[in-house]
Amino acid sequence: MATTKKPKSRIPRFKSREEEALFWDTHSTTEFEDEFVEVKNVKVARPLIHTLAVRLDARTIDQLSAIGRTKGMGASTLARMWLLERLEKESSS
């Protein structure tokens, strides 16, 4: 009995969201249309409704803002992304 082996994806596995963002900055999803599968039912996560206030000095906020601008996002989005990456790393160790 012959088994049909699914071809290896040309989309790489990413180590971080930053690495994935860099990949998609230089590639178009149209290059990979043959790998996409139609999804009929999608569950959407609840919106971010909780706020955690963190006190930071002006220099730190300026650094976050500058790095965020180079990545096309705001300081709070960058800080949230880094925080989630670190929590994921901590929970897997």
N, C-alpha and C. Protein backbone atom coordinates (compact mmCIF):
# COMPACT_ATOMS: atom_id res chain seq x y z
N MET A 1 0.85 -1.18 0.00
CA MET A 1 0.00 0.00 0.00
C MET A 1 0.89 1.24 0.00
N ALA A 2 0.72 2.08 -0.95
CA ALA A 2 1.53 3.30 -1.07
C ALA A 2 0.94 4.38 -0.19
N THR A 3 1.81 5.06 0.53
CA THR A 3 1.35 6.19 1.35
C THR A 3 1.75 7.48 0.66
N THR A 4 0.87 8.44 0.75
CA THR A 4 1.15 9.74 0.15
C THR A 4 1.81 10.61 1.21
N LYS A 5 3.05 10.96 0.96
CA LYS A 5 3.80 11.78 1.91
C LYS A 5 3.59 13.24 1.56
N LYS A 6 3.24 14.02 2.56
CA LYS A 6 3.03 15.45 2.36
C LYS A 6 4.39 16.12 2.10
N PRO A 7 4.50 16.89 1.03
CA PRO A 7 5.79 17.54 0.75
C PRO A 7 6.16 18.53 1.85
N LYS A 8 7.46 18.67 2.08
CA LYS A 8 7.95 19.58 3.10
C LYS A 8 7.60 21.02 2.73
N SER A 9 7.16 21.77 3.71
CA SER A 9 6.79 23.17 3.48
C SER A 9 8.01 24.01 3.14
N ARG A 10 7.82 24.95 2.24
CA ARG A 10 8.88 25.89 1.91
C ARG A 10 8.91 27.06 2.90
N ILE A 11 7.89 27.14 3.74
CA ILE A 11 7.85 28.17 4.78
C ILE A 11 8.63 27.63 5.97
N PRO A 12 9.69 28.31 6.38
CA PRO A 12 10.52 27.79 7.48
C PRO A 12 9.83 27.86 8.83
N ARG A 13 10.34 27.12 9.78
CA ARG A 13 9.89 27.23 11.17
C ARG A 13 10.67 28.40 11.78
N PHE A 14 9.98 29.25 12.53
CA PHE A 14 10.61 30.44 13.05
C PHE A 14 10.90 30.30 14.54
N LYS A 15 12.02 30.86 14.97
CA LYS A 15 12.40 30.80 16.38
C LYS A 15 11.75 31.92 17.19
N SER A 16 11.30 32.97 16.51
CA SER A 16 10.69 34.10 17.21
C SER A 16 9.74 34.83 16.26
N ARG A 17 8.92 35.66 16.82
CA ARG A 17 8.01 36.47 16.00
C ARG A 17 8.81 37.47 15.16
N GLU A 18 9.91 37.93 15.73
CA GLU A 18 10.75 38.88 14.99
C GLU A 18 11.33 38.22 13.74
N GLU A 19 11.80 36.97 13.90
CA GLU A 19 12.34 36.24 12.76
C GLU A 19 11.26 36.02 11.70
N GLU A 20 10.05 35.69 12.15
CA GLU A 20 8.95 35.50 11.21
C GLU A 20 8.59 36.81 10.50
N ALA A 21 8.57 37.90 11.25
CA ALA A 21 8.26 39.21 10.66
C ALA A 21 9.29 39.57 9.59
N LEU A 22 10.55 39.31 9.87
CA LEU A 22 11.60 39.61 8.89
C LEU A 22 11.41 38.77 7.63
N PHE A 23 11.02 37.52 7.80
CA PHE A 23 10.79 36.65 6.64
C PHE A 23 9.66 37.21 5.78
N TRP A 24 8.52 37.55 6.41
CA TRP A 24 7.37 38.02 5.64
C TRP A 24 7.57 39.43 5.09
N ASP A 25 8.53 40.18 5.65
CA ASP A 25 8.88 41.48 5.07
C ASP A 25 9.53 41.32 3.71
N THR A 26 10.14 40.17 3.47
CA THR A 26 10.86 39.96 2.22
C THR A 26 10.23 38.89 1.32
N HIS A 27 9.08 38.36 1.72
CA HIS A 27 8.39 37.34 0.93
C HIS A 27 6.92 37.69 0.83
N SER A 28 6.29 37.24 -0.22
CA SER A 28 4.85 37.45 -0.41
C SER A 28 4.12 36.14 -0.13
N THR A 29 2.95 36.25 0.46
CA THR A 29 2.15 35.04 0.70
C THR A 29 1.75 34.38 -0.61
N THR A 30 1.74 35.15 -1.70
CA THR A 30 1.38 34.57 -2.99
C THR A 30 2.41 33.55 -3.47
N GLU A 31 3.62 33.60 -2.91
CA GLU A 31 4.65 32.61 -3.25
C GLU A 31 4.32 31.23 -2.69
N PHE A 32 3.40 31.19 -1.73
CA PHE A 32 3.13 29.95 -0.99
C PHE A 32 1.65 29.55 -1.05
N GLU A 33 0.90 30.11 -1.97
CA GLU A 33 -0.54 29.83 -2.04
C GLU A 33 -0.85 28.34 -2.12
N ASP A 34 0.01 27.57 -2.77
CA ASP A 34 -0.23 26.14 -2.92
C ASP A 34 -0.12 25.38 -1.59
N GLU A 35 0.45 26.01 -0.56
CA GLU A 35 0.60 25.37 0.74
C GLU A 35 -0.51 25.72 1.72
N PHE A 36 -1.31 26.69 1.40
CA PHE A 36 -2.36 27.13 2.32
C PHE A 36 -3.57 26.20 2.25
N VAL A 37 -4.22 26.04 3.39
CA VAL A 37 -5.41 25.21 3.49
C VAL A 37 -6.56 26.11 3.95
N GLU A 38 -7.69 26.00 3.30
CA GLU A 38 -8.84 26.80 3.67
C GLU A 38 -9.32 26.41 5.07
N VAL A 39 -9.60 27.41 5.88
CA VAL A 39 -10.08 27.19 7.23
C VAL A 39 -11.53 27.64 7.28
N LYS A 40 -12.40 26.75 7.76
CA LYS A 40 -13.82 27.07 7.77
C LYS A 40 -14.26 27.71 9.08
N ASN A 41 -13.80 27.19 10.20
CA ASN A 41 -14.19 27.71 11.51
C ASN A 41 -12.97 28.28 12.22
N VAL A 42 -13.04 29.55 12.56
CA VAL A 42 -11.92 30.20 13.22
C VAL A 42 -12.40 30.72 14.57
N LYS A 43 -11.66 30.39 15.62
CA LYS A 43 -11.96 30.93 16.94
C LYS A 43 -11.06 32.14 17.14
N VAL A 44 -11.65 33.24 17.49
CA VAL A 44 -10.90 34.47 17.69
C VAL A 44 -10.69 34.65 19.19
N ALA A 45 -9.46 34.90 19.57
CA ALA A 45 -9.14 35.10 20.98
C ALA A 45 -9.84 36.36 21.49
N ARG A 46 -10.11 36.33 22.76
CA ARG A 46 -10.73 37.52 23.37
C ARG A 46 -9.79 38.71 23.23
N PRO A 47 -10.35 39.88 23.06
CA PRO A 47 -9.50 41.06 22.91
C PRO A 47 -8.70 41.33 24.18
N LEU A 48 -7.60 42.03 23.99
CA LEU A 48 -6.78 42.39 25.14
C LEU A 48 -7.50 43.49 25.92
N ILE A 49 -8.00 43.13 27.09
CA ILE A 49 -8.77 44.11 27.86
C ILE A 49 -8.10 44.48 29.18
N HIS A 50 -7.11 43.72 29.58
CA HIS A 50 -6.43 44.01 30.84
C HIS A 50 -5.19 44.85 30.58
N THR A 51 -4.91 45.73 31.50
CA THR A 51 -3.75 46.60 31.37
C THR A 51 -2.84 46.38 32.56
N LEU A 52 -1.54 46.29 32.29
CA LEU A 52 -0.54 46.20 33.34
C LEU A 52 0.33 47.45 33.23
N ALA A 53 0.28 48.27 34.24
CA ALA A 53 1.10 49.49 34.22
C ALA A 53 2.50 49.16 34.73
N VAL A 54 3.49 49.52 33.96
CA VAL A 54 4.88 49.29 34.34
C VAL A 54 5.59 50.64 34.30
N ARG A 55 6.22 50.99 35.39
CA ARG A 55 6.92 52.27 35.44
C ARG A 55 8.32 52.11 34.83
N LEU A 56 8.60 52.95 33.85
CA LEU A 56 9.90 52.93 33.18
C LEU A 56 10.44 54.34 33.11
N ASP A 57 11.76 54.46 33.12
CA ASP A 57 12.36 55.78 32.99
C ASP A 57 12.26 56.25 31.54
N ALA A 58 12.44 57.53 31.33
CA ALA A 58 12.29 58.12 30.00
C ALA A 58 13.26 57.51 28.99
N ARG A 59 14.47 57.21 29.41
CA ARG A 59 15.46 56.63 28.49
C ARG A 59 15.00 55.27 27.97
N THR A 60 14.44 54.46 28.86
CA THR A 60 13.96 53.13 28.46
C THR A 60 12.80 53.25 27.48
N ILE A 61 11.90 54.16 27.76
CA ILE A 61 10.75 54.37 26.86
C ILE A 61 11.24 54.88 25.50
N ASP A 62 12.20 55.77 25.50
CA ASP A 62 12.77 56.27 24.25
C ASP A 62 13.41 55.13 23.45
N GLN A 63 14.13 54.24 24.15
CA GLN A 63 14.75 53.10 23.47
C GLN A 63 13.69 52.18 22.87
N LEU A 64 12.66 51.88 23.66
CA LEU A 64 11.56 51.04 23.16
C LEU A 64 10.91 51.68 21.94
N SER A 65 10.67 52.97 22.00
CA SER A 65 10.05 53.67 20.89
C SER A 65 10.92 53.63 19.64
N ALA A 66 12.22 53.86 19.81
CA ALA A 66 13.13 53.86 18.66
C ALA A 66 13.21 52.48 18.01
N ILE A 67 13.34 51.44 18.82
CA ILE A 67 13.41 50.08 18.28
C ILE A 67 12.06 49.72 17.64
N GLY A 68 10.98 50.09 18.30
CA GLY A 68 9.64 49.82 17.75
C GLY A 68 9.44 50.47 16.40
N ARG A 69 9.89 51.71 16.25
CA ARG A 69 9.77 52.40 14.96
C ARG A 69 10.49 51.64 13.85
N THR A 70 11.68 51.11 14.16
CA THR A 70 12.41 50.38 13.12
C THR A 70 11.69 49.10 12.72
N LYS A 71 10.83 48.59 13.62
CA LYS A 71 10.08 47.36 13.34
C LYS A 71 8.64 47.65 12.92
N GLY A 72 8.30 48.93 12.83
CA GLY A 72 6.95 49.30 12.40
C GLY A 72 5.88 49.09 13.45
N MET A 73 6.23 49.26 14.72
CA MET A 73 5.25 49.10 15.79
C MET A 73 5.54 50.08 16.91
N GLY A 74 4.56 50.25 17.77
CA GLY A 74 4.72 51.15 18.90
C GLY A 74 5.49 50.51 20.04
N ALA A 75 5.88 51.34 20.99
CA ALA A 75 6.67 50.88 22.14
C ALA A 75 5.91 49.84 22.96
N SER A 76 4.63 50.04 23.18
CA SER A 76 3.88 49.09 24.01
C SER A 76 3.70 47.75 23.30
N THR A 77 3.52 47.78 21.99
CA THR A 77 3.40 46.53 21.23
C THR A 77 4.71 45.75 21.29
N LEU A 78 5.82 46.45 21.12
CA LEU A 78 7.12 45.81 21.20
C LEU A 78 7.36 45.23 22.59
N ALA A 79 7.05 46.00 23.63
CA ALA A 79 7.24 45.52 25.00
C ALA A 79 6.37 44.29 25.26
N ARG A 80 5.12 44.31 24.79
CA ARG A 80 4.22 43.16 24.98
C ARG A 80 4.77 41.94 24.24
N MET A 81 5.26 42.14 23.02
CA MET A 81 5.81 41.04 22.23
C MET A 81 7.02 40.43 22.94
N TRP A 82 7.93 41.27 23.43
CA TRP A 82 9.11 40.77 24.13
C TRP A 82 8.72 40.05 25.43
N LEU A 83 7.75 40.60 26.13
CA LEU A 83 7.30 39.98 27.38
C LEU A 83 6.72 38.59 27.11
N LEU A 84 5.89 38.47 26.07
CA LEU A 84 5.30 37.17 25.73
C LEU A 84 6.36 36.17 25.29
N GLU A 85 7.35 36.63 24.52
CA GLU A 85 8.45 35.74 24.11
C GLU A 85 9.21 35.24 25.32
N ARG A 86 9.47 36.11 26.28
CA ARG A 86 10.22 35.72 27.47
C ARG A 86 9.41 34.75 28.34
N LEU A 87 8.11 35.02 28.47
CA LEU A 87 7.27 34.10 29.24
C LEU A 87 7.23 32.72 28.61
N GLU A 88 7.17 32.67 27.29
CA GLU A 88 7.18 31.40 26.58
C GLU A 88 8.50 30.66 26.82
N LYS A 89 9.60 31.39 26.77
CA LYS A 89 10.91 30.80 27.00
C LYS A 89 11.02 30.27 28.43
N GLU A 90 10.55 31.05 29.40
CA GLU A 90 10.62 30.64 30.80
C GLU A 90 9.75 29.41 31.07
N SER A 91 8.59 29.34 30.44
CA SER A 91 7.69 28.22 30.71
C SER A 91 8.17 26.94 30.04
N SER A 92 9.05 27.04 29.02
CA SER A 92 9.54 25.85 28.35
C SER A 92 10.86 25.36 28.92
N SER A 93 11.40 26.09 29.88
CA SER A 93 12.69 25.65 30.46
C SER A 93 12.50 24.93 31.77
